[in-house]
C-alpha atoms as a PDB file:
ATOM      1  CA  MET A   1       0.178  -0.201  -0.286  1.00  0.00           C
ATOM      2  CA  SER A   2       2.774   2.625   0.448  1.00  0.00           C
ATOM      3  CA  ALA A   3       4.083   1.883  -2.676  1.00  0.00           C
ATOM      4  CA  GLN A   4       0.633   2.979  -4.055  1.00  0.00           C
ATOM      5  CA  PHE A   5       0.482   5.976  -2.127  1.00  0.00           C
ATOM      6  CA  LYS A   6       4.036   7.024  -3.251  1.00  0.00           C
ATOM      7  CA  LEU A   7       2.514   6.386  -6.637  1.00  0.00           C
ATOM      8  CA  ASP A   8      -0.327   8.640  -6.286  1.00  0.00           C
ATOM      9  CA  GLN A   9       1.571  11.116  -4.392  1.00  0.00           C
ATOM     10  CA  ASN A  10       4.104  11.437  -7.178  1.00  0.00           C
ATOM     11  CA  THR A  11       1.111  11.958  -9.702  1.00  0.00           C
ATOM     12  CA  ASP A  12      -0.589  14.650  -7.674  1.00  0.00           C
ATOM     13  CA  GLN A  13       2.591  16.380  -7.618  1.00  0.00           C
ATOM     14  CA  ASN A  14       2.871  16.413 -11.715  1.00  0.00           C
ATOM     15  CA  ASN A  15      -0.848  17.413 -11.928  1.00  0.00           C
ATOM     16  CA  ALA A  16      -0.156  20.287  -9.788  1.00  0.00           C
ATOM     17  CA  LYS A  17       2.458  21.301 -12.121  1.00  0.00           C
ATOM     18  CA  GLY A  18       0.227  20.449 -15.217  1.00  0.00           C
ATOM     19  CA  SER A  19      -2.580  22.543 -13.866  1.00  0.00           C
ATOM     20  CA  SER A  20      -0.187  25.680 -13.122  1.00  0.00           C
ATOM     21  CA  GLU A  21       1.099  25.568 -16.444  1.00  0.00           C
ATOM     22  CA  ALA A  22      -1.942  25.136 -18.220  1.00  0.00           C
ATOM     23  CA  LYS A  23      -3.385  28.196 -16.373  1.00  0.00           C
ATOM     24  CA  LYS A  24      -0.219  30.397 -17.705  1.00  0.00           C
ATOM     25  CA  GLU A  25      -0.863  29.383 -21.175  1.00  0.00           C
ATOM     26  CA  ILE A  26      -4.308  30.665 -21.104  1.00  0.00           C
ATOM     27  CA  ARG A  27      -4.825  34.148 -21.249  1.00  0.00           C
ATOM     28  CA  ARG A  28      -7.732  36.603 -21.786  1.00  0.00           C
ATOM     29  CA  PRO A  29      -7.467  38.486 -25.124  1.00  0.00           C
ATOM     30  CA  ASN A  30      -7.345  42.108 -24.965  1.00  0.00           C
ATOM     31  CA  ILE A  31     -10.738  43.265 -25.430  1.00  0.00           C
ATOM     32  CA  ASP A  32      -9.612  46.901 -26.551  1.00  0.00           C
ATOM     33  CA  ASN A  33      -7.120  45.452 -29.153  1.00  0.00           C
ATOM     34  CA  LEU A  34      -9.678  43.180 -30.667  1.00  0.00           C
ATOM     35  CA  LEU A  35     -12.000  46.256 -30.854  1.00  0.00           C
ATOM     36  CA  LYS A  36      -9.715  48.209 -32.594  1.00  0.00           C
ATOM     37  CA  ARG A  37      -8.721  45.295 -35.332  1.00  0.00           C
ATOM     38  CA  ILE A  38     -12.479  45.044 -35.651  1.00  0.00           C
ATOM     39  CA  SER A  39     -12.782  48.564 -36.303  1.00  0.00           C
ATOM     40  CA  ASP A  40      -9.907  49.032 -38.553  1.00  0.00           C
ATOM     41  CA  GLU A  41     -10.986  45.731 -40.592  1.00  0.00           C
ATOM     42  CA  ARG A  42     -14.385  47.390 -41.097  1.00  0.00           C
ATOM     43  CA  HIS A  43     -12.806  50.808 -42.191  1.00  0.00           C
ATOM     44  CA  GLN A  44     -10.645  49.092 -44.730  1.00  0.00           C
ATOM     45  CA  GLU A  45     -13.379  47.374 -45.994  1.00  0.00           C
ATOM     46  CA  LYS A  46     -15.553  50.401 -46.610  1.00  0.00           C
ATOM     47  CA  LYS A  47     -12.362  52.061 -48.462  1.00  0.00           C
ATOM     48  CA  SER A  48     -12.432  49.130 -50.669  1.00  0.00           C
ATOM     49  CA  ASN A  49     -16.018  48.951 -51.834  1.00  0.00           C
ATOM     50  CA  LEU A  50     -15.688  52.793 -52.306  1.00  0.00           C
ATOM     51  CA  ILE A  51     -12.985  51.962 -54.901  1.00  0.00           C
ATOM     52  CA  ILE A  52     -14.555  49.293 -56.218  1.00  0.00           C
ATOM     53  CA  LEU A  53     -17.738  51.315 -56.703  1.00  0.00           C
ATOM     54  CA  PHE A  54     -16.010  54.151 -57.812  1.00  0.00           C
ATOM     55  CA  PHE A  55     -14.299  51.702 -60.721  1.00  0.00           C
ATOM     56  CA  ALA A  56     -17.756  50.453 -61.483  1.00  0.00           C
ATOM     57  CA  VAL A  57     -19.534  53.888 -62.171  1.00  0.00           C
ATOM     58  CA  LEU A  58     -16.271  54.921 -64.076  1.00  0.00           C
ATOM     59  CA  ALA A  59     -16.425  51.795 -66.292  1.00  0.00           C
ATOM     60  CA  ILE A  60     -20.205  52.355 -67.171  1.00  0.00           C
ATOM     61  CA  SER A  61     -19.867  56.083 -67.463  1.00  0.00           C
ATOM     62  CA  ILE A  62     -17.179  55.350 -70.160  1.00  0.00           C
ATOM     63  CA  ALA A  63     -19.288  52.756 -71.985  1.00  0.00           C
ATOM     64  CA  THR A  64     -22.444  54.842 -72.012  1.00  0.00           C
ATOM     65  CA  PHE A  65     -20.378  57.725 -73.517  1.00  0.00           C
ATOM     66  CA  VAL A  66     -18.687  55.258 -75.979  1.00  0.00           C
ATOM     67  CA  PHE A  67     -21.896  53.598 -77.185  1.00  0.00           C
ATOM     68  CA  SER A  68     -23.765  57.024 -77.123  1.00  0.00           C
ATOM     69  CA  GLN A  69     -21.376  58.529 -79.764  1.00  0.00           C
ATOM     70  CA  VAL A  70     -21.894  55.394 -82.161  1.00  0.00           C
END
């Protein structure tokens, strides 16, 4: 029985070390940083959408001008 007790005691120490290491690895994300990143991504998406819209309107205008001249 004493051998089993020592075996159990060693595994408890290993589990204690493993659980403390696991707690160190798990970190809460920085909410402010995530919100800023989301805001920046939305801003970049709006900017790219406006650029695409501009070129689409420009292409339609040029096509209309070319076909109205013929």
